Amino acid sequence: MFRAMDQTQILLTRIADALERLAPPPGVPAELLAHPAYHWDGHGLSAVTSFAPLPESLIVGVDRQKAAIIENSQRHALGHAAHDVLLWGARGMGKSALVKSVTGALQAQKLPLALVETTADQLASLPHLFALLGKADRRFILFIDDIAFEGDDANPRRLRSMLEGGSEARPANVRLYVTSNRRNIVERRQDEEDAAVNARDVADDRLALADRFGLKLGFQYPDQPAFLEMVAAYAAHFGLDWDEADALAFAHQRGGRSGRVAWHYAVELAGRAGRRL
């Protein structure tokens, strides 16, 4: 009997050893004071080695939004009260570029601020990230780009809890900066509103998540002068020759004007000239 138990114990030990060899070693968090930006994959932090945001001066045509982001981020970097931020609106208008550029500009001022990027599908893991960041003597912007919730009721509730002091709340040295193409973040489905006892209650629930952000900034597609201002800023910075009619034709071929199209036009100009950006 004892011999059989010994054999079973040996077998279990071998299985445990094999599983330990198969399991990846625990990730070592990147030094939280050493790098300007990090990426969170749901399990560990890794340094973003290629963090090179555009100069903040090149983000033009959104002066009001830029001023608000700079002021809020500076407050946060200095340890003062600051808002979580929702940047919503038109695609390609520099929402994510603005967050990164402002972070880089404040880092150039030697302020203790770092960017942590993650995705919306990692929300369930963020309490673990918060536990790591909360121990660091540094301020962090947790950046979630292009967020939208469709058919998932858990994640909106989870994000609301993080923003308003629930059990998963972010620590004091972390603020959330979120971009979305929707003002209300959560998609409204007509069938849900039709089935609701009170359609206004459904609408209020949809707005509830967006209302948790203390600072909400809208981005709209630029008019023609604003688009040409964007092109001019890129051209001046990189020393590129350009033509208004050519820039407008380029935008028309791509379906409209935006900050992204202005950047693509700058790339096109550099390519025509045999230049690198």
Protein backbone atom coordinates (compact mmCIF):
# COMPACT_ATOMS: atom_id res chain seq x y z
CA MET A 1 0.00 0.00 0.00
CA PHE A 2 2.76 2.40 1.01
CA ARG A 3 4.67 1.48 -2.12
CA ALA A 4 1.66 2.40 -4.26
CA MET A 5 1.36 5.74 -2.43
CA ASP A 6 5.06 6.41 -3.03
CA GLN A 7 4.64 5.73 -6.74
CA THR A 8 1.64 8.07 -6.89
CA GLN A 9 3.59 10.81 -5.11
CA ILE A 10 6.51 10.42 -7.52
CA LEU A 11 4.14 10.64 -10.48
CA LEU A 12 2.47 13.79 -9.12
CA THR A 13 5.86 15.38 -8.49
CA ARG A 14 6.93 14.64 -12.05
CA ILE A 15 3.72 16.17 -13.41
CA ALA A 16 4.19 19.29 -11.29
CA ASP A 17 7.80 19.64 -12.45
CA ALA A 18 6.73 19.28 -16.09
CA LEU A 19 4.03 21.90 -15.73
CA GLU A 20 6.50 24.27 -14.09
CA ARG A 21 8.89 23.86 -17.01
CA LEU A 22 6.09 24.53 -19.49
CA ALA A 23 4.82 27.63 -17.70
CA PRO A 24 6.51 30.87 -18.77
CA PRO A 25 8.56 32.59 -16.07
CA PRO A 26 6.81 35.52 -14.40
CA GLY A 27 7.44 38.77 -16.24
CA VAL A 28 9.72 41.29 -14.60
CA PRO A 29 8.06 44.72 -14.58
CA ALA A 30 9.96 47.39 -16.47
CA GLU A 31 11.62 49.87 -14.14
CA LEU A 32 8.85 52.35 -13.52
CA LEU A 33 11.17 55.34 -13.16
CA ALA A 34 13.38 54.68 -16.17
CA HIS A 35 11.28 54.95 -19.32
CA PRO A 36 8.96 57.56 -20.86
CA ALA A 37 6.28 55.06 -21.93
CA TYR A 38 5.15 51.51 -21.25
CA HIS A 39 2.77 48.93 -22.64
CA TRP A 40 0.51 46.76 -20.47
CA ASP A 41 -0.49 43.44 -22.05
CA GLY A 42 -2.69 42.21 -19.21
CA HIS A 43 0.15 40.33 -17.51
CA GLY A 44 3.12 42.66 -17.30
CA LEU A 45 4.63 45.99 -18.23
CA SER A 46 7.15 46.44 -21.00
CA ALA A 47 9.02 49.59 -21.92
CA VAL A 48 8.11 51.29 -25.21
CA THR A 49 11.56 51.67 -26.70
CA SER A 50 10.41 53.68 -29.72
CA PHE A 51 8.42 56.38 -27.94
CA ALA A 52 9.00 59.43 -30.16
CA PRO A 53 5.85 61.57 -30.24
CA LEU A 54 5.45 64.46 -32.64
CA PRO A 55 6.37 67.86 -31.22
CA GLU A 56 3.33 69.34 -29.55
CA SER A 57 3.64 72.41 -31.79
CA LEU A 58 2.78 70.27 -34.82
CA ILE A 59 -0.66 69.40 -33.46
CA VAL A 60 -2.57 72.36 -34.90
CA GLY A 61 -6.21 73.12 -35.60
CA VAL A 62 -7.26 71.85 -32.15
CA ASP A 63 -5.91 74.70 -30.04
CA ARG A 64 -8.68 74.65 -27.42
CA GLN A 65 -8.39 70.91 -26.90
CA LYS A 66 -4.60 71.05 -26.79
CA ALA A 67 -4.59 73.82 -24.19
CA ALA A 68 -6.98 71.83 -21.97
CA ILE A 69 -4.90 68.65 -22.25
CA ILE A 70 -1.66 70.50 -21.48
CA GLU A 71 -3.12 72.19 -18.41
CA ASN A 72 -4.71 69.02 -17.03
CA SER A 73 -1.63 66.88 -17.68
CA GLN A 74 0.67 69.44 -16.11
CA ARG A 75 -1.50 69.53 -12.99
CA HIS A 76 -1.34 65.76 -12.81
CA ALA A 77 2.44 65.66 -13.34
CA LEU A 78 2.89 68.16 -10.50
CA GLY A 79 0.76 66.09 -8.15
CA HIS A 80 -2.20 68.47 -8.18
CA ALA A 81 -5.85 67.55 -8.66
CA ALA A 82 -6.49 66.55 -12.29
CA HIS A 83 -9.27 65.01 -14.34
CA ASP A 84 -9.67 61.74 -16.17
CA VAL A 85 -10.10 62.69 -19.82
CA LEU A 86 -12.34 61.53 -22.65
CA LEU A 87 -11.27 62.63 -26.14
CA TRP A 88 -14.07 61.85 -28.57
CA GLY A 89 -15.05 62.64 -32.12
CA ALA A 90 -13.87 62.46 -35.70
CA ARG A 91 -11.33 59.87 -36.77
CA GLY A 92 -7.86 61.00 -37.73
CA MET A 93 -8.02 64.30 -35.86
CA GLY A 94 -4.99 63.68 -33.65
CA LYS A 95 -6.63 62.51 -30.42
CA SER A 96 -4.02 59.87 -29.65
CA ALA A 97 -1.18 61.92 -31.16
CA LEU A 98 -2.12 64.82 -28.89
CA VAL A 99 -1.98 62.70 -25.73
CA LYS A 100 1.46 61.38 -26.66
CA SER A 101 2.81 64.76 -27.78
CA VAL A 102 1.72 66.49 -24.58
CA THR A 103 3.27 63.70 -22.50
CA GLY A 104 6.54 64.09 -24.38
CA ALA A 105 6.48 67.87 -23.97
CA LEU A 106 6.02 67.61 -20.20
CA GLN A 107 8.75 65.00 -19.95
CA ALA A 108 11.05 67.44 -21.74
CA GLN A 109 10.35 69.80 -18.83
CA LYS A 110 11.66 67.08 -16.49
CA LEU A 111 8.26 66.48 -14.93
CA PRO A 112 7.79 63.01 -13.38
CA LEU A 113 5.19 61.76 -15.86
CA ALA A 114 4.98 58.57 -17.93
CA LEU A 115 2.50 57.12 -20.40
CA VAL A 116 1.13 53.60 -20.06
CA GLU A 117 -0.71 52.27 -23.11
CA THR A 118 -3.18 49.41 -23.06
CA THR A 119 -6.31 48.26 -24.88
CA ALA A 120 -9.96 48.07 -23.90
CA ASP A 121 -9.87 44.27 -23.76
CA GLN A 122 -7.42 44.47 -20.83
CA LEU A 123 -9.81 46.24 -18.46
CA ALA A 124 -10.24 43.19 -16.27
CA SER A 125 -6.49 43.14 -15.58
CA LEU A 126 -6.15 46.81 -14.69
CA PRO A 127 -6.47 46.37 -10.89
CA HIS A 128 -3.21 44.40 -11.06
CA LEU A 129 -1.61 47.20 -13.09
CA PHE A 130 -2.89 49.79 -10.61
CA ALA A 131 -1.25 47.84 -7.78
CA LEU A 132 2.10 48.15 -9.59
CA LEU A 133 1.76 51.80 -10.57
CA GLY A 134 0.45 52.88 -7.19
CA LYS A 135 3.77 51.96 -5.58
CA ALA A 136 5.87 54.11 -7.90
CA ASP A 137 6.98 57.64 -7.03
CA ARG A 138 5.85 58.94 -10.40
CA ARG A 139 2.67 60.13 -12.11
CA PHE A 140 1.11 58.09 -14.90
CA ILE A 141 -1.34 58.62 -17.73
CA LEU A 142 -3.08 55.35 -18.51
CA PHE A 143 -3.96 55.70 -22.18
CA ILE A 144 -6.71 53.55 -23.76
CA ASP A 145 -7.12 54.34 -27.46
CA ASP A 146 -10.25 53.93 -29.58
CA ILE A 147 -12.50 52.46 -26.92
CA ALA A 148 -16.05 51.27 -27.62
CA PHE A 149 -18.27 48.74 -25.94
CA GLU A 150 -20.69 46.68 -28.00
CA GLY A 151 -22.68 43.92 -26.39
CA ASP A 152 -20.52 43.74 -23.25
CA ASP A 153 -22.16 45.06 -20.10
CA ALA A 154 -19.29 44.10 -17.76
CA ASN A 155 -16.62 46.39 -19.17
CA PRO A 156 -18.60 49.67 -19.00
CA ARG A 157 -19.42 48.94 -15.36
CA ARG A 158 -15.79 48.06 -14.69
CA LEU A 159 -14.57 51.30 -16.22
CA ARG A 160 -17.11 53.34 -14.25
CA SER A 161 -15.83 51.71 -11.07
CA MET A 162 -12.25 52.66 -11.94
CA LEU A 163 -13.25 56.26 -12.54
CA GLU A 164 -15.35 56.76 -9.43
CA GLY A 165 -13.71 55.13 -6.49
CA GLY A 166 -15.12 51.60 -6.67
CA SER A 167 -13.24 48.51 -5.61
CA GLU A 168 -11.18 48.70 -8.83
CA ALA A 169 -10.43 52.44 -8.60
CA ARG A 170 -7.18 53.74 -10.02
CA PRO A 171 -4.62 55.09 -7.52
CA ALA A 172 -4.05 58.79 -6.99
CA ASN A 173 -0.94 58.89 -9.21
CA VAL A 174 -2.84 57.53 -12.26
CA ARG A 175 -5.33 59.28 -14.53
CA LEU A 176 -7.17 57.66 -17.41
CA TYR A 177 -7.06 59.25 -20.86
CA VAL A 178 -9.48 57.51 -23.22
CA THR A 179 -10.22 58.15 -26.89
CA SER A 180 -13.40 57.15 -28.65
CA ASN A 181 -15.14 57.94 -31.90
CA ARG A 182 -18.41 58.13 -29.96
CA ARG A 183 -19.40 60.83 -27.55
CA ASN A 184 -21.17 58.34 -25.30
CA ILE A 185 -18.63 55.50 -25.71
CA VAL A 186 -21.26 52.79 -25.37
CA GLU A 187 -23.21 51.99 -28.51
CA ARG A 188 -26.93 52.68 -28.39
CA ARG A 189 -29.02 49.94 -29.96
CA GLN A 190 -32.54 50.82 -31.05
CA ASP A 191 -33.93 47.41 -30.12
CA GLU A 192 -32.84 47.93 -26.51
CA GLU A 193 -34.46 51.35 -26.34
CA ASP A 194 -37.67 50.03 -27.86
CA ALA A 195 -37.80 47.23 -25.30
CA ALA A 196 -37.06 49.47 -22.33
CA VAL A 197 -39.76 50.46 -19.90
CA ASN A 198 -38.39 53.99 -19.94
CA ALA A 199 -36.27 54.94 -22.95
CA ARG A 200 -34.87 57.94 -21.06
CA ASP A 201 -33.48 55.59 -18.41
CA VAL A 202 -31.62 53.67 -21.12
CA ALA A 203 -30.20 56.87 -22.57
CA ASP A 204 -29.14 58.06 -19.13
CA ASP A 205 -27.36 54.76 -18.52
CA ARG A 206 -25.51 55.13 -21.82
CA LEU A 207 -24.42 58.63 -20.82
CA ALA A 208 -23.39 57.54 -17.33
CA LEU A 209 -19.97 56.27 -18.36
CA ALA A 210 -19.02 59.37 -20.36
CA ASP A 211 -20.17 61.56 -17.46
CA ARG A 212 -17.56 59.95 -15.20
CA PHE A 213 -14.82 61.84 -17.06
CA GLY A 214 -14.12 65.24 -15.55
CA LEU A 215 -12.79 66.57 -18.86
CA LYS A 216 -14.48 65.74 -22.18
CA LEU A 217 -13.05 67.15 -25.39
CA GLY A 218 -14.70 66.89 -28.79
CA PHE A 219 -12.82 66.75 -32.10
CA GLN A 220 -14.51 67.64 -35.38
CA TYR A 221 -13.30 67.45 -38.97
CA PRO A 222 -11.51 70.69 -39.96
CA ASP A 223 -12.74 73.25 -42.42
CA GLN A 224 -10.51 74.08 -45.40
CA PRO A 225 -8.43 76.85 -43.71
CA ALA A 226 -7.78 74.62 -40.66
CA PHE A 227 -6.72 71.71 -42.88
CA LEU A 228 -4.32 73.94 -44.80
CA GLU A 229 -2.94 75.19 -41.46
CA MET A 230 -2.15 71.58 -40.53
CA VAL A 231 -0.41 71.00 -43.85
CA ALA A 232 1.55 74.23 -43.49
CA ALA A 233 2.76 73.25 -40.01
CA TYR A 234 4.10 69.89 -41.23
CA ALA A 235 5.64 71.44 -44.33
CA ALA A 236 7.42 74.16 -42.36
CA HIS A 237 8.71 71.73 -39.75
CA PHE A 238 10.17 69.34 -42.32
CA GLY A 239 11.18 71.95 -44.89
CA LEU A 240 8.80 70.74 -47.61
CA ASP A 241 7.50 72.71 -50.58
CA TRP A 242 3.76 72.42 -51.11
CA ASP A 243 0.84 73.85 -53.02
CA GLU A 244 -2.66 74.59 -51.68
CA ALA A 245 -4.47 73.23 -54.76
CA ASP A 246 -2.38 70.05 -54.63
CA ALA A 247 -3.07 69.60 -50.90
CA LEU A 248 -6.82 69.99 -51.39
CA ALA A 249 -6.81 67.58 -54.33
CA PHE A 250 -4.93 65.06 -52.20
CA ALA A 251 -7.56 65.37 -49.45
CA HIS A 252 -10.39 65.04 -51.96
CA GLN A 253 -8.89 61.83 -53.34
CA ARG A 254 -8.85 60.42 -49.80
CA GLY A 255 -12.44 61.26 -49.01
CA GLY A 256 -12.07 64.36 -46.86
CA ARG A 257 -9.92 66.54 -44.66
CA SER A 258 -8.42 65.47 -41.31
CA GLY A 259 -5.22 65.74 -39.35
CA ARG A 260 -4.27 62.25 -40.50
CA VAL A 261 -4.77 63.19 -44.15
CA ALA A 262 -2.58 66.27 -43.59
CA TRP A 263 0.15 64.00 -42.23
CA HIS A 264 -0.24 61.60 -45.13
CA TYR A 265 0.17 64.54 -47.49
CA ALA A 266 3.41 65.51 -45.73
CA VAL A 267 4.64 61.93 -46.20
CA GLU A 268 3.67 62.15 -49.88
CA LEU A 269 5.60 65.42 -50.29
CA ALA A 270 8.67 63.95 -48.63
CA GLY A 271 8.46 60.87 -50.84
CA ARG A 272 8.19 62.95 -54.00
CA ALA A 273 11.26 64.89 -52.92
CA GLY A 274 13.25 61.75 -52.12
CA ARG A 275 13.28 62.68 -48.43
CA ARG A 276 12.82 60.74 -45.22
CA LEU A 277 10.71 61.99 -42.32
